[in-house]
Protein backbone atom coordinates (compact mmCIF):
# COMPACT_ATOMS: atom_id res chain seq x y z
CA UNK A 1 16.31 -39.76 31.55
CA UNK A 2 14.86 -40.67 28.15
CA UNK A 3 12.02 -43.11 27.89
CA UNK A 4 12.68 -46.62 26.42
CA UNK A 5 12.18 -46.72 22.67
CA UNK A 6 8.61 -48.00 22.02
CA UNK A 7 9.53 -49.41 18.55
CA UNK A 8 11.97 -52.15 18.00
CA UNK A 9 12.60 -50.88 14.45
CA UNK A 10 11.37 -47.47 13.41
CA UNK A 11 12.38 -48.20 9.76
CA UNK A 12 9.53 -50.78 9.71
CA UNK A 13 6.91 -48.14 10.26
CA UNK A 14 5.34 -47.18 6.95
CA UNK A 15 4.99 -43.43 6.40
CA UNK A 16 1.53 -42.63 5.10
CA UNK A 17 0.50 -39.15 4.10
CA UNK A 18 -3.22 -38.52 4.68
CA UNK A 19 -5.43 -36.06 2.79
CA UNK A 20 -3.37 -33.09 1.56
CA UNK A 21 -4.26 -30.23 3.93
CA UNK A 22 -2.38 -27.08 4.89
CA UNK A 23 -4.92 -25.18 7.01
CA UNK A 24 -4.03 -25.10 10.73
CA UNK A 25 -7.49 -26.00 11.92
CA UNK A 26 -7.49 -29.15 9.82
CA UNK A 27 -4.00 -30.13 11.09
CA UNK A 28 -5.09 -29.56 14.77
CA UNK A 29 -8.30 -31.55 14.20
CA UNK A 30 -6.21 -34.39 12.81
CA UNK A 31 -4.06 -34.26 16.00
CA UNK A 32 -7.11 -34.13 18.25
CA UNK A 33 -8.74 -37.17 16.60
CA UNK A 34 -5.46 -39.17 16.58
CA UNK A 35 -4.96 -38.57 20.33
CA UNK A 36 -8.57 -39.60 20.95
CA UNK A 37 -7.80 -42.83 19.09
CA UNK A 38 -4.87 -43.55 21.48
CA UNK A 39 -2.07 -42.49 19.16
CA UNK A 40 1.15 -40.79 20.31
CA UNK A 41 1.56 -37.63 18.14
CA UNK A 42 4.00 -34.88 17.25
CA UNK A 43 3.42 -31.27 16.18
CA UNK A 44 6.06 -29.97 13.72
CA UNK A 45 6.35 -26.16 13.35
CA UNK A 46 8.40 -24.12 10.80
CA UNK A 47 10.36 -22.01 13.28
CA UNK A 48 13.09 -20.30 11.14
CA UNK A 49 13.67 -19.58 7.48
CA UNK A 50 16.96 -18.90 5.84
CA UNK A 51 16.93 -17.38 2.30
CA UNK A 52 13.31 -18.00 1.52
CA UNK A 53 10.79 -20.89 1.71
CA UNK A 54 7.67 -22.06 0.01
CA UNK A 55 5.64 -22.03 3.30
CA UNK A 56 5.20 -19.22 5.85
CA UNK A 57 6.79 -19.13 9.25
CA UNK A 58 4.54 -21.09 11.65
CA UNK A 59 3.44 -23.70 9.04
CA UNK A 60 2.66 -27.04 10.62
CA UNK A 61 2.82 -30.80 10.15
CA UNK A 62 1.15 -33.42 12.36
CA UNK A 63 2.64 -36.90 12.69
CA UNK A 64 1.30 -39.97 14.53
CA UNK A 65 3.20 -42.85 15.98
CA UNK A 66 1.80 -45.27 13.40
CA UNK A 67 3.33 -43.30 10.50
CA UNK A 68 0.42 -41.08 9.38
CA UNK A 69 1.09 -37.44 8.75
CA UNK A 70 -0.50 -34.34 7.23
CA UNK A 71 0.46 -30.65 6.65
CA UNK A 72 3.29 -29.03 4.90
CA UNK A 73 6.50 -27.24 5.98
CA UNK A 74 7.83 -27.06 2.40
CA UNK A 75 6.61 -27.60 -1.12
CA UNK A 76 6.37 -31.32 -0.44
CA UNK A 77 10.02 -32.24 -0.95
CA UNK A 78 11.05 -32.88 2.70
CA UNK A 79 7.77 -33.90 4.46
CA UNK A 80 8.58 -37.59 4.50
CA UNK A 81 12.02 -36.94 6.07
CA UNK A 82 10.43 -34.60 8.61
CA UNK A 83 7.81 -37.30 9.47
CA UNK A 84 10.64 -39.78 10.03
CA UNK A 85 12.32 -37.33 12.45
CA UNK A 86 9.07 -36.85 14.26
CA UNK A 87 8.65 -40.61 14.66
CA UNK A 88 12.06 -40.74 16.34
CA UNK A 89 11.04 -37.99 18.65
CA UNK A 90 7.88 -39.79 19.59
CA UNK A 91 9.73 -43.04 20.23
CA UNK A 92 12.22 -41.16 22.41
CA UNK A 93 9.46 -39.06 24.09
CA UNK A 94 11.67 -36.04 23.67
CA UNK A 95 11.23 -32.82 21.71
CA UNK A 96 13.84 -31.82 19.22
CA UNK A 97 14.86 -29.28 16.63
CA UNK A 98 15.53 -30.39 13.07
CA UNK A 99 17.52 -28.32 10.52
CA UNK A 100 17.14 -28.99 6.78
CA UNK A 101 18.66 -27.45 3.74
CA UNK A 102 21.25 -24.68 4.19
CA UNK A 103 23.08 -25.10 7.43
CA UNK A 104 21.85 -28.69 7.93
CA UNK A 105 24.06 -31.68 8.91
CA UNK A 106 22.13 -33.81 6.31
CA UNK A 107 24.17 -33.33 3.17
CA UNK A 108 21.68 -35.47 1.14
CA UNK A 109 18.65 -33.20 1.85
CA UNK A 110 18.95 -30.09 -0.25
CA UNK A 111 15.93 -27.82 -0.65
CA UNK A 112 15.12 -26.97 -4.29
CA UNK A 113 14.89 -23.27 -3.33
CA UNK A 114 18.38 -23.31 -1.90
CA UNK A 115 17.35 -22.09 1.54
CA UNK A 116 17.29 -23.59 4.97
CA UNK A 117 14.59 -24.44 7.52
CA UNK A 118 14.58 -24.99 11.25
CA UNK A 119 11.72 -27.07 12.59
CA UNK A 120 10.55 -27.67 16.12
CA UNK A 121 9.20 -31.09 16.79
CA UNK A 122 6.95 -31.26 19.91
CA UNK A 123 5.78 -34.59 21.22
CA UNK A 124 2.21 -34.01 22.25
CA UNK A 125 1.65 -35.30 25.80
CA UNK A 126 -2.02 -34.21 26.25
CA UNK A 127 -4.72 -32.97 23.97
CA UNK A 128 -6.32 -30.36 26.24
CA UNK A 129 -4.25 -27.54 24.70
CA UNK A 130 -5.22 -28.52 21.19
CA UNK A 131 -8.88 -28.77 22.22
CA UNK A 132 -8.71 -25.26 23.76
CA UNK A 133 -7.03 -23.89 20.62
CA UNK A 134 -9.71 -25.35 18.33
CA UNK A 135 -12.45 -24.03 20.61
CA UNK A 136 -11.09 -20.47 20.33
CA UNK A 137 -10.43 -20.67 16.65
CA UNK A 138 -13.53 -22.54 15.39
CA UNK A 139 -16.28 -22.23 17.99
CA UNK A 140 -15.57 -18.79 19.57
CA UNK A 141 -14.03 -17.43 16.29
CA UNK A 142 -11.39 -15.51 18.18
CA UNK A 143 -7.82 -14.71 17.20
CA UNK A 144 -5.42 -16.80 19.18
CA UNK A 145 -1.77 -17.81 19.53
CA UNK A 146 -0.09 -21.06 20.36
CA UNK A 147 3.07 -20.71 22.54
CA UNK A 148 5.69 -23.43 22.48
CA UNK A 149 8.27 -23.58 25.28
CA UNK A 150 11.14 -25.86 24.17
CA UNK A 151 12.73 -25.86 27.60
CA UNK A 152 9.63 -27.12 29.32
CA UNK A 153 8.54 -29.11 26.26
CA UNK A 154 4.97 -27.76 26.50
CA UNK A 155 2.32 -25.83 24.64
CA UNK A 156 0.00 -23.09 25.92
CA UNK A 157 -2.68 -20.93 24.36
CA UNK A 158 -2.61 -17.15 24.48
CA UNK A 159 -5.75 -15.11 23.72
CA UNK A 160 -5.45 -12.44 21.06
CA UNK A 161 -3.31 -11.97 17.95
CA UNK A 162 0.50 -11.81 18.15
CA UNK A 163 3.24 -11.86 15.62
CA UNK A 164 4.42 -15.32 14.52
CA UNK A 165 8.00 -15.89 15.51
CA UNK A 166 10.29 -16.26 18.51
CA UNK A 167 9.69 -14.28 21.73
CA UNK A 168 12.90 -14.73 23.68
CA UNK A 169 13.08 -18.54 24.08
CA UNK A 170 9.43 -19.32 23.13
CA UNK A 171 7.94 -19.80 19.69
CA UNK A 172 4.64 -18.05 19.16
CA UNK A 173 2.38 -19.04 16.20
CA UNK A 174 -0.70 -16.84 15.64
CA UNK A 175 -3.97 -17.80 14.00
CA UNK A 176 -7.05 -16.00 12.80
CA UNK A 177 -10.43 -17.86 12.57
CA UNK A 178 -11.33 -19.05 9.09
CA UNK A 179 -12.98 -16.35 7.05
CA UNK A 180 -16.70 -16.47 6.23
CA UNK A 181 -18.20 -14.86 3.17
CA UNK A 182 -21.68 -13.39 3.53
CA UNK A 183 -23.25 -13.30 0.10
CA UNK A 184 -26.24 -11.26 -0.97
CA UNK A 185 -27.77 -11.56 -4.47
CA UNK A 186 -29.95 -13.96 -6.40
CA UNK A 187 -28.61 -13.99 -9.97
CA UNK A 188 -26.14 -16.13 -11.82
CA UNK A 189 -23.19 -14.16 -10.42
CA UNK A 190 -24.07 -15.23 -6.91
CA UNK A 191 -24.53 -18.83 -7.88
CA UNK A 192 -21.26 -19.03 -9.73
CA UNK A 193 -19.36 -17.18 -7.00
CA UNK A 194 -20.75 -19.47 -4.29
CA UNK A 195 -19.68 -22.60 -6.28
CA UNK A 196 -16.15 -21.39 -6.82
CA UNK A 197 -15.60 -20.12 -3.30
CA UNK A 198 -17.00 -23.31 -1.88
CA UNK A 199 -14.68 -25.33 -4.01
CA UNK A 200 -11.85 -23.25 -2.58
CA UNK A 201 -12.81 -24.42 0.97
CA UNK A 202 -14.45 -21.11 2.03
CA UNK A 203 -17.72 -20.94 3.99
CA UNK A 204 -20.49 -19.11 2.19
CA UNK A 205 -23.44 -17.73 4.17
CA UNK A 206 -26.45 -16.41 2.07
CA UNK A 207 -27.70 -13.32 3.90
CA UNK A 208 -30.17 -10.61 4.36
CA UNK A 209 -29.71 -7.44 6.50
CA UNK A 210 -30.70 -9.06 9.76
CA UNK A 211 -28.11 -11.89 9.21
CA UNK A 212 -25.29 -9.37 8.94
CA UNK A 213 -26.36 -7.63 12.09
CA UNK A 214 -26.27 -10.86 14.04
CA UNK A 215 -23.37 -12.80 12.54
CA UNK A 216 -20.75 -10.74 10.75
CA UNK A 217 -17.48 -10.33 12.71
CA UNK A 218 -13.99 -9.07 12.02
CA UNK A 219 -13.23 -12.27 10.01
CA UNK A 220 -16.14 -11.83 7.68
CA UNK A 221 -16.26 -10.67 4.03
CA UNK A 222 -19.57 -9.26 2.72
CA UNK A 223 -20.16 -9.63 -1.00
CA UNK A 224 -23.19 -7.85 -2.50
CA UNK A 225 -23.94 -8.96 -6.09
CA UNK A 226 -27.20 -7.12 -6.72
CA UNK A 227 -28.09 -5.45 -9.95
CA UNK A 228 -30.64 -3.32 -8.20
CA UNK A 229 -29.27 -0.65 -5.78
CA UNK A 230 -32.66 -0.38 -4.02
CA UNK A 231 -32.30 -4.08 -2.97
CA UNK A 232 -28.69 -3.65 -2.10
CA UNK A 233 -28.88 -0.53 0.18
CA UNK A 234 -30.69 -2.10 3.17
CA UNK A 235 -28.05 -4.87 3.36
CA UNK A 236 -25.16 -2.45 2.72
CA UNK A 237 -26.22 -0.16 5.53
CA UNK A 238 -25.92 -3.05 7.99
CA UNK A 239 -22.63 -4.12 6.39
CA UNK A 240 -21.12 -0.75 7.06
CA UNK A 241 -22.13 -1.03 10.71
CA UNK A 242 -20.28 -4.38 10.98
CA UNK A 243 -16.60 -5.00 11.65
CA UNK A 244 -16.23 -7.00 8.41
CA UNK A 245 -12.79 -6.88 6.91
CA UNK A 246 -14.11 -6.72 3.34
CA UNK A 247 -17.22 -5.15 1.74
CA UNK A 248 -17.60 -5.35 -2.02
CA UNK A 249 -20.45 -4.26 -4.29
CA UNK A 250 -21.35 -5.02 -7.95
CA UNK A 251 -21.70 -2.22 -10.39
CA UNK A 252 -19.60 0.29 -12.27
CA UNK A 253 -18.26 3.69 -11.30
CA UNK A 254 -21.44 5.55 -12.11
CA UNK A 255 -23.47 3.15 -9.96
CA UNK A 256 -20.98 3.52 -7.14
CA UNK A 257 -21.16 7.33 -7.33
CA UNK A 258 -24.94 7.03 -6.91
CA UNK A 259 -24.46 4.57 -4.05
CA UNK A 260 -22.07 6.89 -2.22
CA UNK A 261 -24.43 9.82 -2.63
CA UNK A 262 -27.40 7.88 -1.23
CA UNK A 263 -25.35 6.70 1.75
CA UNK A 264 -23.90 10.16 2.40
CA UNK A 265 -27.44 11.46 2.55
CA UNK A 266 -28.20 8.70 5.13
CA UNK A 267 -25.47 10.21 7.36
CA UNK A 268 -22.54 7.87 6.60
CA UNK A 269 -19.12 9.47 6.55
CA UNK A 270 -16.80 9.44 3.61
CA UNK A 271 -14.36 7.34 5.67
CA UNK A 272 -17.10 4.68 6.25
CA UNK A 273 -17.88 4.64 2.54
CA UNK A 274 -14.15 4.19 1.61
CA UNK A 275 -14.49 0.60 3.08
CA UNK A 276 -16.69 -0.30 0.06
CA UNK A 277 -14.72 -1.93 -2.82
CA UNK A 278 -16.59 -0.99 -5.96
CA UNK A 279 -16.43 -1.84 -8.73
CA UNK A 280 -15.92 -5.21 -6.93
CA UNK A 281 -13.07 -7.55 -7.87
CA UNK A 282 -9.32 -7.49 -8.32
CA UNK A 283 -9.49 -7.02 -12.06
CA UNK A 284 -12.14 -5.91 -14.49
CA UNK A 285 -14.52 -5.01 -15.81
CA UNK A 286 -15.60 -8.66 -15.74
CA UNK A 287 -18.70 -9.20 -17.81
CA UNK A 288 -19.06 -12.96 -17.39
CA UNK A 289 -20.12 -14.67 -14.16
CA UNK A 290 -17.10 -17.00 -13.94
CA UNK A 291 -14.62 -14.22 -14.48
CA UNK A 292 -16.39 -12.04 -11.98
CA UNK A 293 -16.34 -14.78 -9.34
CA UNK A 294 -12.60 -15.41 -9.78
CA UNK A 295 -11.97 -11.61 -9.69
CA UNK A 296 -13.91 -11.20 -6.35
CA UNK A 297 -12.45 -14.25 -4.76
CA UNK A 298 -8.90 -13.06 -5.78
CA UNK A 299 -9.55 -9.71 -4.15
CA UNK A 300 -10.75 -11.30 -0.93
CA UNK A 301 -7.81 -13.64 -0.81
CA UNK A 302 -5.34 -10.79 -1.42
CA UNK A 303 -6.85 -8.96 1.56
CA UNK A 304 -6.57 -12.11 3.70
CA UNK A 305 -2.97 -12.55 2.76
CA UNK A 306 -2.19 -8.95 3.79
CA UNK A 307 -3.74 -9.70 7.20
CA UNK A 308 -1.70 -12.78 7.87
CA UNK A 309 -0.11 -12.47 11.32
């Protein structure tokens, strides 16, 4: 039996997008805070894509009962309509599936890309699952998956990384912790790279060798922007012992050949040394600090995209 509609006229609720965010941890933090403020909320998840989409499978929106929403399941063209659907689900206290674009019953909502999307809308009934998810992602920095059971209209958290998509009748969405970039180097290249990466929303941690040994995990990138190989090598030795997904070093091919020889003499294997990206960056040679920073950041982001679950 459906709950009585809490709103006399849903059309009177003003839809209000909040700060434009598309990172899962920010969307879940918005949900957690809204529930703490006493709001009824819904989590929207992109569950199926037909003929392409501007967002990846598992993209989210969060919607509150007072009309606020954040996140994206498209390029921005359908989010208001999705928020309205979520408000109806909240009012009815019942989950639903929404189909937009190709294959949709709404003839007036056509996606610019020509594709179709299926979205699950889950009415959040308690915040403990979201709290647990954020603890695993942000505090413990562990890969984790959110499992949605449409039949039971409930969420659960699964440890470890899975593939995003349907497992039988359950929708699994996988997340990695946000990446951290450990940065070594004192020159203009380091300062400019730190500024640009921070502006892109990435966490920068200035390091020495001991910091890497203590803090670097599998979601860490290590960037060494030294002009002096003697200063670089102590940090690099610890970097190679870490599980970091990215290690990049400044310098040309001749410098890297010297670097490899020194590390081989230390007892590192060729396979270990193949982890080092040098000359650093996606394009080059970059002779100016800003170009170098963009090149390095682009290389790190390309690796991150290739690791998307």
